[in-house]
């Protein structure tokens, strides 16, 4: 597999170019280190926002054009960050992600 690129101090244009490629990357400075959210993990969302909703990229709902394309996750029992969900798009490059990111 391809190593995941890590970036810092991106301009708006650089960020847009990276997103348009469709290849996952890590943005290392997305929040100020003094913000509480800078130390959050995926599990923090379950704790802080029970029954929260967010878009699931590469989902069947997205393929169908479902504008809501939201998935609800509920509490600590639903450990969505540990689940692998298939990438439902066809005709992607060989090095594209095989599983859908959240």
PDB file of N, CA and C in Angstrom:
ATOM      1  N   UNK A   1       0.826  -1.206   0.000  1.00  0.00           N
ATOM      2  CA  UNK A   1       0.000   0.000   0.000  1.00  0.00           C
ATOM      3  C   UNK A   1       0.866   1.265   0.000  1.00  0.00           C
ATOM      4  N   UNK A   2       0.292   2.303  -0.486  1.00  0.00           N
ATOM      5  CA  UNK A   2       0.961   3.602  -0.546  1.00  0.00           C
ATOM      6  C   UNK A   2       1.013   4.217   0.852  1.00  0.00           C
ATOM      7  N   UNK A   3       2.170   4.768   1.241  1.00  0.00           N
ATOM      8  CA  UNK A   3       2.223   5.461   2.537  1.00  0.00           C
ATOM      9  C   UNK A   3       1.352   6.720   2.496  1.00  0.00           C
ATOM     10  N   UNK A   4       0.730   7.015   3.610  1.00  0.00           N
ATOM     11  CA  UNK A   4      -0.140   8.186   3.672  1.00  0.00           C
ATOM     12  C   UNK A   4       0.709   9.441   3.832  1.00  0.00           C
ATOM     13  N   UNK A   5       0.487  10.408   2.944  1.00  0.00           N
ATOM     14  CA  UNK A   5       1.222  11.670   2.995  1.00  0.00           C
ATOM     15  C   UNK A   5       0.766  12.490   4.198  1.00  0.00           C
ATOM     16  N   UNK A   6       1.691  13.235   4.759  1.00  0.00           N
ATOM     17  CA  UNK A   6       1.400  14.136   5.871  1.00  0.00           C
ATOM     18  C   UNK A   6       1.765  15.549   5.435  1.00  0.00           C
ATOM     19  N   UNK A   7       0.892  16.523   5.763  1.00  0.00           N
ATOM     20  CA  UNK A   7       1.129  17.903   5.332  1.00  0.00           C
ATOM     21  C   UNK A   7       0.882  18.873   6.480  1.00  0.00           C
ATOM     22  N   UNK A   8       1.567  20.020   6.393  1.00  0.00           N
ATOM     23  CA  UNK A   8       1.407  21.128   7.342  1.00  0.00           C
ATOM     24  C   UNK A   8       1.462  22.428   6.547  1.00  0.00           C
ATOM     25  N   UNK A   9       0.896  23.466   7.133  1.00  0.00           N
ATOM     26  CA  UNK A   9       0.994  24.822   6.570  1.00  0.00           C
ATOM     27  C   UNK A   9       0.562  24.918   5.110  1.00  0.00           C
ATOM     28  N   UNK A  10      -0.521  24.237   4.772  1.00  0.00           N
ATOM     29  CA  UNK A  10      -1.001  24.274   3.387  1.00  0.00           C
ATOM     30  C   UNK A  10      -1.734  25.576   3.089  1.00  0.00           C
ATOM     31  N   UNK A  11      -1.588  26.047   1.875  1.00  0.00           N
ATOM     32  CA  UNK A  11      -2.428  27.160   1.436  1.00  0.00           C
ATOM     33  C   UNK A  11      -3.778  26.580   1.023  1.00  0.00           C
ATOM     34  N   UNK A  12      -4.744  27.449   0.819  1.00  0.00           N
ATOM     35  CA  UNK A  12      -6.068  27.013   0.389  1.00  0.00           C
ATOM     36  C   UNK A  12      -5.971  26.265  -0.952  1.00  0.00           C
ATOM     37  N   UNK A  13      -5.174  26.780  -1.878  1.00  0.00           N
ATOM     38  CA  UNK A  13      -5.016  26.142  -3.191  1.00  0.00           C
ATOM     39  C   UNK A  13      -4.331  24.777  -3.093  1.00  0.00           C
ATOM     40  N   UNK A  14      -3.306  24.687  -2.255  1.00  0.00           N
ATOM     41  CA  UNK A  14      -2.617  23.400  -2.075  1.00  0.00           C
ATOM     42  C   UNK A  14      -3.569  22.361  -1.486  1.00  0.00           C
ATOM     43  N   UNK A  15      -4.354  22.782  -0.499  1.00  0.00           N
ATOM     44  CA  UNK A  15      -5.328  21.878   0.112  1.00  0.00           C
ATOM     45  C   UNK A  15      -6.340  21.411  -0.937  1.00  0.00           C
ATOM     46  N   UNK A  16      -6.867  22.320  -1.742  1.00  0.00           N
ATOM     47  CA  UNK A  16      -7.854  21.976  -2.770  1.00  0.00           C
ATOM     48  C   UNK A  16      -7.266  20.984  -3.775  1.00  0.00           C
ATOM     49  N   UNK A  17      -6.010  21.191  -4.152  1.00  0.00           N
ATOM     50  CA  UNK A  17      -5.352  20.273  -5.098  1.00  0.00           C
ATOM     51  C   UNK A  17      -5.233  18.866  -4.508  1.00  0.00           C
ATOM     52  N   UNK A  18      -4.850  18.776  -3.240  1.00  0.00           N
ATOM     53  CA  UNK A  18      -4.724  17.474  -2.586  1.00  0.00           C
ATOM     54  C   UNK A  18      -6.076  16.771  -2.500  1.00  0.00           C
ATOM     55  N   UNK A  19      -7.113  17.496  -2.140  1.00  0.00           N
ATOM     56  CA  UNK A  19      -8.448  16.909  -2.032  1.00  0.00           C
ATOM     57  C   UNK A  19      -8.922  16.421  -3.398  1.00  0.00           C
ATOM     58  N   UNK A  20      -8.676  17.200  -4.443  1.00  0.00           N
ATOM     59  CA  UNK A  20      -9.131  16.846  -5.791  1.00  0.00           C
ATOM     60  C   UNK A  20      -8.485  15.552  -6.298  1.00  0.00           C
ATOM     61  N   UNK A  21      -7.298  15.231  -5.805  1.00  0.00           N
ATOM     62  CA  UNK A  21      -6.644  13.985  -6.225  1.00  0.00           C
ATOM     63  C   UNK A  21      -7.410  12.755  -5.767  1.00  0.00           C
ATOM     64  N   UNK A  22      -8.135  12.887  -4.650  1.00  0.00           N
ATOM     65  CA  UNK A  22      -8.904  11.757  -4.132  1.00  0.00           C
ATOM     66  C   UNK A  22      -8.077  10.735  -3.381  1.00  0.00           C
ATOM     67  N   UNK A  23      -6.882  11.109  -2.990  1.00  0.00           N
ATOM     68  CA  UNK A  23      -6.008  10.203  -2.243  1.00  0.00           C
ATOM     69  C   UNK A  23      -5.931  10.712  -0.805  1.00  0.00           C
ATOM     70  N   UNK A  24      -6.204   9.850   0.174  1.00  0.00           N
ATOM     71  CA  UNK A  24      -6.181  10.306   1.574  1.00  0.00           C
ATOM     72  C   UNK A  24      -4.833  10.909   1.973  1.00  0.00           C
ATOM     73  N   UNK A  25      -4.895  11.886   2.856  1.00  0.00           N
ATOM     74  CA  UNK A  25      -3.694  12.485   3.421  1.00  0.00           C
ATOM     75  C   UNK A  25      -4.021  12.958   4.818  1.00  0.00           C
ATOM     76  N   UNK A  26      -2.986  13.188   5.587  1.00  0.00           N
ATOM     77  CA  UNK A  26      -3.158  13.667   6.957  1.00  0.00           C
ATOM     78  C   UNK A  26      -2.747  15.131   7.009  1.00  0.00           C
ATOM     79  N   UNK A  27      -3.627  15.938   7.541  1.00  0.00           N
ATOM     80  CA  UNK A  27      -3.347  17.353   7.749  1.00  0.00           C
ATOM     81  C   UNK A  27      -2.942  17.491   9.219  1.00  0.00           C
ATOM     82  N   UNK A  28      -1.681  17.700   9.456  1.00  0.00           N
ATOM     83  CA  UNK A  28      -1.146  17.658  10.822  1.00  0.00           C
ATOM     84  C   UNK A  28      -1.449  18.892  11.652  1.00  0.00           C
ATOM     85  N   UNK A  29      -1.806  19.991  11.017  1.00  0.00           N
ATOM     86  CA  UNK A  29      -2.049  21.209  11.777  1.00  0.00           C
ATOM     87  C   UNK A  29      -3.444  21.781  11.499  1.00  0.00           C
ATOM     88  N   UNK A  30      -4.432  20.902  11.542  1.00  0.00           N
ATOM     89  CA  UNK A  30      -5.809  21.321  11.250  1.00  0.00           C
ATOM     90  C   UNK A  30      -6.425  22.139  12.382  1.00  0.00           C
ATOM     91  N   UNK A  31      -5.879  22.039  13.580  1.00  0.00           N
ATOM     92  CA  UNK A  31      -6.406  22.834  14.684  1.00  0.00           C
ATOM     93  C   UNK A  31      -5.237  23.376  15.508  1.00  0.00           C
ATOM     94  N   UNK A  32      -5.488  24.451  16.168  1.00  0.00           N
ATOM     95  CA  UNK A  32      -4.483  25.051  17.037  1.00  0.00           C
ATOM     96  C   UNK A  32      -4.206  24.079  18.196  1.00  0.00           C
ATOM     97  N   UNK A  33      -2.942  23.888  18.573  1.00  0.00           N
ATOM     98  CA  UNK A  33      -2.622  22.958  19.665  1.00  0.00           C
ATOM     99  C   UNK A  33      -3.312  23.299  20.980  1.00  0.00           C
ATOM    100  N   UNK A  34      -3.724  24.557  21.152  1.00  0.00           N
ATOM    101  CA  UNK A  34      -4.388  24.945  22.397  1.00  0.00           C
ATOM    102  C   UNK A  34      -5.870  24.565  22.425  1.00  0.00           C
ATOM    103  N   UNK A  35      -6.437  24.200  21.291  1.00  0.00           N
ATOM    104  CA  UNK A  35      -7.847  23.816  21.249  1.00  0.00           C
ATOM    105  C   UNK A  35      -8.014  22.421  21.829  1.00  0.00           C
ATOM    106  N   UNK A  36      -9.093  22.216  22.571  1.00  0.00           N
ATOM    107  CA  UNK A  36      -9.369  20.892  23.132  1.00  0.00           C
ATOM    108  C   UNK A  36      -9.448  19.833  22.035  1.00  0.00           C
ATOM    109  N   UNK A  37     -10.027  20.200  20.897  1.00  0.00           N
ATOM    110  CA  UNK A  37     -10.254  19.225  19.826  1.00  0.00           C
ATOM    111  C   UNK A  37      -8.942  18.694  19.234  1.00  0.00           C
ATOM    112  N   UNK A  38      -7.838  19.389  19.432  1.00  0.00           N
ATOM    113  CA  UNK A  38      -6.571  18.939  18.855  1.00  0.00           C
ATOM    114  C   UNK A  38      -6.112  17.596  19.419  1.00  0.00           C
ATOM    115  N   UNK A  39      -6.594  17.218  20.588  1.00  0.00           N
ATOM    116  CA  UNK A  39      -6.207  15.927  21.174  1.00  0.00           C
ATOM    117  C   UNK A  39      -7.301  14.860  21.037  1.00  0.00           C
ATOM    118  N   UNK A  40      -8.392  15.191  20.369  1.00  0.00           N
ATOM    119  CA  UNK A  40      -9.487  14.235  20.230  1.00  0.00           C
ATOM    120  C   UNK A  40      -9.102  13.058  19.353  1.00  0.00           C
ATOM    121  N   UNK A  41      -9.717  11.932  19.648  1.00  0.00           N
ATOM    122  CA  UNK A  41      -9.624  10.731  18.825  1.00  0.00           C
ATOM    123  C   UNK A  41     -11.028  10.491  18.262  1.00  0.00           C
ATOM    124  N   UNK A  42     -11.177   9.535  17.378  1.00  0.00           N
ATOM    125  CA  UNK A  42     -12.507   9.242  16.832  1.00  0.00           C
ATOM    126  C   UNK A  42     -13.498   8.936  17.954  1.00  0.00           C
ATOM    127  N   UNK A  43     -13.045   8.219  18.965  1.00  0.00           N
ATOM    128  CA  UNK A  43     -13.925   7.854  20.076  1.00  0.00           C
ATOM    129  C   UNK A  43     -14.435   9.080  20.835  1.00  0.00           C
ATOM    130  N   UNK A  44     -13.711  10.195  20.758  1.00  0.00           N
ATOM    131  CA  UNK A  44     -14.132  11.415  21.457  1.00  0.00           C
ATOM    132  C   UNK A  44     -15.476  11.922  20.933  1.00  0.00           C
ATOM    133  N   UNK A  45     -15.736  11.734  19.625  1.00  0.00           N
ATOM    134  CA  UNK A  45     -17.014  12.189  19.067  1.00  0.00           C
ATOM    135  C   UNK A  45     -18.176  11.437  19.693  1.00  0.00           C
ATOM    136  N   UNK A  46     -18.022  10.130  19.920  1.00  0.00           N
ATOM    137  CA  UNK A  46     -19.088   9.360  20.565  1.00  0.00           C
ATOM    138  C   UNK A  46     -19.353   9.859  21.981  1.00  0.00           C
ATOM    139  N   UNK A  47     -18.295  10.197  22.677  1.00  0.00           N
ATOM    140  CA  UNK A  47     -18.430  10.659  24.056  1.00  0.00           C
ATOM    141  C   UNK A  47     -19.036  12.056  24.119  1.00  0.00           C
ATOM    142  N   UNK A  48     -18.526  12.969  23.297  1.00  0.00           N
ATOM    143  CA  UNK A  48     -18.960  14.369  23.347  1.00  0.00           C
ATOM    144  C   UNK A  48     -20.296  14.626  22.653  1.00  0.00           C
ATOM    145  N   UNK A  49     -20.599  13.852  21.623  1.00  0.00           N
ATOM    146  CA  UNK A  49     -21.819  14.077  20.825  1.00  0.00           C
ATOM    147  C   UNK A  49     -22.573  12.773  20.621  1.00  0.00           C
ATOM    148  N   UNK A  50     -23.231  12.257  21.654  1.00  0.00           N
ATOM    149  CA  UNK A  50     -23.992  11.023  21.474  1.00  0.00           C
ATOM    150  C   UNK A  50     -25.045  11.219  20.378  1.00  0.00           C
ATOM    151  N   UNK A  51     -25.232  10.196  19.569  1.00  0.00           N
ATOM    152  CA  UNK A  51     -26.202  10.207  18.460  1.00  0.00           C
ATOM    153  C   UNK A  51     -25.887  11.271  17.413  1.00  0.00           C
ATOM    154  N   UNK A  52     -24.600  11.546  17.195  1.00  0.00           N
ATOM    155  CA  UNK A  52     -24.231  12.534  16.186  1.00  0.00           C
ATOM    156  C   UNK A  52     -24.349  11.928  14.788  1.00  0.00           C
ATOM    157  N   UNK A  53     -24.381  12.813  13.805  1.00  0.00           N
ATOM    158  CA  UNK A  53     -24.490  12.394  12.405  1.00  0.00           C
ATOM    159  C   UNK A  53     -23.363  13.035  11.612  1.00  0.00           C
ATOM    160  N   UNK A  54     -22.853  12.303  10.635  1.00  0.00           N
ATOM    161  CA  UNK A  54     -21.908  12.891   9.702  1.00  0.00           C
ATOM    162  C   UNK A  54     -21.960  12.160   8.375  1.00  0.00           C
ATOM    163  N   UNK A  55     -21.404  12.807   7.355  1.00  0.00           N
ATOM    164  CA  UNK A  55     -21.403  12.238   6.009  1.00  0.00           C
ATOM    165  C   UNK A  55     -20.478  11.042   5.953  1.00  0.00           C
ATOM    166  N   UNK A  56     -20.928  10.024   5.263  1.00  0.00           N
ATOM    167  CA  UNK A  56     -20.055   8.892   5.003  1.00  0.00           C
ATOM    168  C   UNK A  56     -19.633   8.967   3.540  1.00  0.00           C
ATOM    169  N   UNK A  57     -18.378   9.291   3.303  1.00  0.00           N
ATOM    170  CA  UNK A  57     -17.882   9.388   1.937  1.00  0.00           C
ATOM    171  C   UNK A  57     -17.766   7.999   1.318  1.00  0.00           C
ATOM    172  N   UNK A  58     -17.967   7.918   0.012  1.00  0.00           N
ATOM    173  CA  UNK A  58     -17.903   6.677  -0.760  1.00  0.00           C
ATOM    174  C   UNK A  58     -18.995   5.688  -0.369  1.00  0.00           C
ATOM    175  N   UNK A  59     -20.078   6.163   0.195  1.00  0.00           N
ATOM    176  CA  UNK A  59     -21.162   5.280   0.611  1.00  0.00           C
ATOM    177  C   UNK A  59     -22.133   5.059  -0.541  1.00  0.00           C
ATOM    178  N   UNK A  60     -22.986   4.054  -0.385  1.00  0.00           N
ATOM    179  CA  UNK A  60     -24.020   3.808  -1.398  1.00  0.00           C
ATOM    180  C   UNK A  60     -24.965   5.002  -1.494  1.00  0.00           C
ATOM    181  N   UNK A  61     -25.241   5.650  -0.362  1.00  0.00           N
ATOM    182  CA  UNK A  61     -26.114   6.836  -0.377  1.00  0.00           C
ATOM    183  C   UNK A  61     -25.490   7.939  -1.220  1.00  0.00           C
ATOM    184  N   UNK A  62     -24.195   8.120  -1.126  1.00  0.00           N
ATOM    185  CA  UNK A  62     -23.518   9.140  -1.919  1.00  0.00           C
ATOM    186  C   UNK A  62     -23.591   8.781  -3.406  1.00  0.00           C
ATOM    187  N   UNK A  63     -23.388   7.526  -3.721  1.00  0.00           N
ATOM    188  CA  UNK A  63     -23.461   7.085  -5.118  1.00  0.00           C
ATOM    189  C   UNK A  63     -24.853   7.341  -5.688  1.00  0.00           C
ATOM    190  N   UNK A  64     -25.873   7.092  -4.887  1.00  0.00           N
ATOM    191  CA  UNK A  64     -27.262   7.309  -5.342  1.00  0.00           C
ATOM    192  C   UNK A  64     -27.600   8.794  -5.422  1.00  0.00           C
ATOM    193  N   UNK A  65     -26.750   9.647  -4.886  1.00  0.00           N
ATOM    194  CA  UNK A  65     -27.018  11.075  -4.896  1.00  0.00           C
ATOM    195  C   UNK A  65     -27.925  11.518  -3.763  1.00  0.00           C
ATOM    196  N   UNK A  66     -28.051  10.698  -2.736  1.00  0.00           N
ATOM    197  CA  UNK A  66     -28.873  11.021  -1.567  1.00  0.00           C
ATOM    198  C   UNK A  66     -28.242  12.209  -0.855  1.00  0.00           C
ATOM    199  N   UNK A  67     -28.908  13.348  -0.883  1.00  0.00           N
ATOM    200  CA  UNK A  67     -28.361  14.573  -0.303  1.00  0.00           C
ATOM    201  C   UNK A  67     -28.171  14.473   1.206  1.00  0.00           C
ATOM    202  N   UNK A  68     -29.002  13.687   1.880  1.00  0.00           N
ATOM    203  CA  UNK A  68     -28.835  13.596   3.333  1.00  0.00           C
ATOM    204  C   UNK A  68     -27.533  12.857   3.643  1.00  0.00           C
ATOM    205  N   UNK A  69     -27.290  11.725   2.986  1.00  0.00           N
ATOM    206  CA  UNK A  69     -26.055  10.955   3.118  1.00  0.00           C
ATOM    207  C   UNK A  69     -25.430  11.093   4.510  1.00  0.00           C
ATOM    208  N   UNK A  70     -26.251  10.969   5.516  1.00  0.00           N
ATOM    209  CA  UNK A  70     -25.768  11.072   6.890  1.00  0.00           C
ATOM    210  C   UNK A  70     -25.952   9.742   7.593  1.00  0.00           C
ATOM    211  N   UNK A  71     -25.018   9.417   8.416  1.00  0.00           N
ATOM    212  CA  UNK A  71     -25.126   8.205   9.205  1.00  0.00           C
ATOM    213  C   UNK A  71     -25.119   8.610  10.671  1.00  0.00           C
ATOM    214  N   UNK A  72     -25.959   7.979  11.463  1.00  0.00           N
ATOM    215  CA  UNK A  72     -26.044   8.282  12.886  1.00  0.00           C
ATOM    216  C   UNK A  72     -25.262   7.229  13.656  1.00  0.00           C
ATOM    217  N   UNK A  73     -24.468   7.676  14.585  1.00  0.00           N
ATOM    218  CA  UNK A  73     -23.722   6.782  15.441  1.00  0.00           C
ATOM    219  C   UNK A  73     -24.122   7.063  16.872  1.00  0.00           C
ATOM    220  N   UNK A  74     -24.270   5.992  17.643  1.00  0.00           N
ATOM    221  CA  UNK A  74     -24.853   6.182  18.970  1.00  0.00           C
ATOM    222  C   UNK A  74     -23.971   5.631  20.074  1.00  0.00           C
ATOM    223  N   UNK A  75     -23.383   6.525  20.810  1.00  0.00           N
ATOM    224  CA  UNK A  75     -22.707   6.194  22.056  1.00  0.00           C
ATOM    225  C   UNK A  75     -21.488   5.292  21.932  1.00  0.00           C
ATOM    226  N   UNK A  76     -20.945   4.954  23.062  1.00  0.00           N
ATOM    227  CA  UNK A  76     -19.717   4.173  23.140  1.00  0.00           C
ATOM    228  C   UNK A  76     -19.852   2.773  22.542  1.00  0.00           C
ATOM    229  N   UNK A  77     -21.049   2.203  22.554  1.00  0.00           N
ATOM    230  CA  UNK A  77     -21.230   0.848  22.041  1.00  0.00           C
ATOM    231  C   UNK A  77     -20.998   0.770  20.537  1.00  0.00           C
ATOM    232  N   UNK A  78     -21.247   1.859  19.830  1.00  0.00           N
ATOM    233  CA  UNK A  78     -21.074   1.887  18.383  1.00  0.00           C
ATOM    234  C   UNK A  78     -19.669   2.388  18.053  1.00  0.00           C
ATOM    235  N   UNK A  79     -18.737   1.489  17.947  1.00  0.00           N
ATOM    236  CA  UNK A  79     -17.342   1.871  17.701  1.00  0.00           C
ATOM    237  C   UNK A  79     -17.075   1.922  16.202  1.00  0.00           C
ATOM    238  N   UNK A  80     -17.676   2.903  15.525  1.00  0.00           N
ATOM    239  CA  UNK A  80     -17.596   3.036  14.072  1.00  0.00           C
ATOM    240  C   UNK A  80     -16.162   3.160  13.572  1.00  0.00           C
ATOM    241  N   UNK A  81     -15.268   3.686  14.393  1.00  0.00           N
ATOM    242  CA  UNK A  81     -13.883   3.885  13.967  1.00  0.00           C
ATOM    243  C   UNK A  81     -13.111   2.573  13.869  1.00  0.00           C
ATOM    244  N   UNK A  82     -13.683   1.476  14.345  1.00  0.00           N
ATOM    245  CA  UNK A  82     -13.013   0.176  14.268  1.00  0.00           C
ATOM    246  C   UNK A  82     -13.522  -0.669  13.100  1.00  0.00           C
ATOM    247  N   UNK A  83     -14.513  -0.186  12.379  1.00  0.00           N
ATOM    248  CA  UNK A  83     -15.154  -0.974  11.322  1.00  0.00           C
ATOM    249  C   UNK A  83     -14.580  -0.642   9.947  1.00  0.00           C
ATOM    250  N   UNK A  84     -14.389  -1.673   9.133  1.00  0.00           N
ATOM    251  CA  UNK A  84     -13.983  -1.469   7.742  1.00  0.00           C
ATOM    252  C   UNK A  84     -15.239  -1.582   6.886  1.00  0.00           C
ATOM    253  N   UNK A  85     -15.503  -0.567   6.106  1.00  0.00           N
ATOM    254  CA  UNK A  85     -16.649  -0.575   5.201  1.00  0.00           C
ATOM    255  C   UNK A  85     -16.132  -0.452   3.782  1.00  0.00           C
ATOM    256  N   UNK A  86     -16.650  -1.273   2.870  1.00  0.00           N
ATOM    257  CA  UNK A  86     -16.102  -1.263   1.514  1.00  0.00           C
ATOM    258  C   UNK A  86     -16.303   0.058   0.799  1.00  0.00           C
ATOM    259  N   UNK A  87     -15.347   0.385  -0.028  1.00  0.00           N
ATOM    260  CA  UNK A  87     -15.438   1.547  -0.902  1.00  0.00           C
ATOM    261  C   UNK A  87     -16.345   1.123  -2.053  1.00  0.00           C
ATOM    262  N   UNK A  88     -17.485   1.745  -2.203  1.00  0.00           N
ATOM    263  CA  UNK A  88     -18.499   1.291  -3.151  1.00  0.00           C
ATOM    264  C   UNK A  88     -18.377   1.887  -4.545  1.00  0.00           C
ATOM    265  N   UNK A  89     -17.298   2.579  -4.834  1.00  0.00           N
ATOM    266  CA  UNK A  89     -17.114   3.143  -6.161  1.00  0.00           C
ATOM    267  C   UNK A  89     -16.383   2.147  -7.060  1.00  0.00           C
ATOM    268  N   UNK A  90     -16.717   2.155  -8.332  1.00  0.00           N
ATOM    269  CA  UNK A  90     -16.031   1.315  -9.315  1.00  0.00           C
ATOM    270  C   UNK A  90     -15.069   2.177 -10.121  1.00  0.00           C
ATOM    271  N   UNK A  91     -14.176   1.526 -10.823  1.00  0.00           N
ATOM    272  CA  UNK A  91     -13.257   2.186 -11.747  1.00  0.00           C
ATOM    273  C   UNK A  91     -12.347   3.207 -11.073  1.00  0.00           C
ATOM    274  N   UNK A  92     -11.910   2.916  -9.862  1.00  0.00           N
ATOM    275  CA  UNK A  92     -10.956   3.788  -9.185  1.00  0.00           C
ATOM    276  C   UNK A  92      -9.543   3.325  -9.511  1.00  0.00           C
ATOM    277  N   UNK A  93      -8.560   4.194  -9.388  1.00  0.00           N
ATOM    278  CA  UNK A  93      -7.172   3.769  -9.613  1.00  0.00           C
ATOM    279  C   UNK A  93      -6.798   2.623  -8.671  1.00  0.00           C
ATOM    280  N   UNK A  94      -5.831   1.820  -9.081  1.00  0.00           N
ATOM    281  CA  UNK A  94      -5.416   0.671  -8.274  1.00  0.00           C
ATOM    282  C   UNK A  94      -4.966   1.057  -6.874  1.00  0.00           C
ATOM    283  N   UNK A  95      -4.410   2.263  -6.734  1.00  0.00           N
ATOM    284  CA  UNK A  95      -3.912   2.659  -5.414  1.00  0.00           C
ATOM    285  C   UNK A  95      -4.939   3.449  -4.598  1.00  0.00           C
ATOM    286  N   UNK A  96      -6.188   3.483  -5.062  1.00  0.00           N
ATOM    287  CA  UNK A  96      -7.253   4.159  -4.309  1.00  0.00           C
ATOM    288  C   UNK A  96      -7.605   3.339  -3.070  1.00  0.00           C
ATOM    289  N   UNK A  97      -8.151   3.988  -2.043  1.00  0.00           N
ATOM    290  CA  UNK A  97      -8.518   3.262  -0.818  1.00  0.00           C
ATOM    291  C   UNK A  97      -9.548   2.167  -1.114  1.00  0.00           C
ATOM    292  N   UNK A  98      -9.361   1.016  -0.480  1.00  0.00           N
ATOM    293  CA  UNK A  98     -10.290  -0.107  -0.648  1.00  0.00           C
ATOM    294  C   UNK A  98     -11.445  -0.020   0.347  1.00  0.00           C
ATOM    295  N   UNK A  99     -11.281   0.804   1.369  1.00  0.00           N
ATOM    296  CA  UNK A  99     -12.326   0.974   2.377  1.00  0.00           C
ATOM    297  C   UNK A  99     -12.734   2.429   2.444  1.00  0.00           C
ATOM    298  N   UNK A 100     -13.983   2.663   2.829  1.00  0.00           N
ATOM    299  CA  UNK A 100     -14.542   4.015   2.850  1.00  0.00           C
ATOM    300  C   UNK A 100     -14.078   4.756   4.102  1.00  0.00           C
ATOM    301  N   UNK A 101     -13.529   5.958   3.921  1.00  0.00           N
ATOM    302  CA  UNK A 101     -13.177   6.768   5.083  1.00  0.00           C
ATOM    303  C   UNK A 101     -14.420   7.460   5.643  1.00  0.00           C
ATOM    304  N   UNK A 102     -14.337   7.851   6.884  1.00  0.00           N
ATOM    305  CA  UNK A 102     -15.424   8.615   7.491  1.00  0.00           C
ATOM    306  C   UNK A 102     -14.949  10.008   7.742  1.00  0.00           C
TER     307      UNK A 102
END
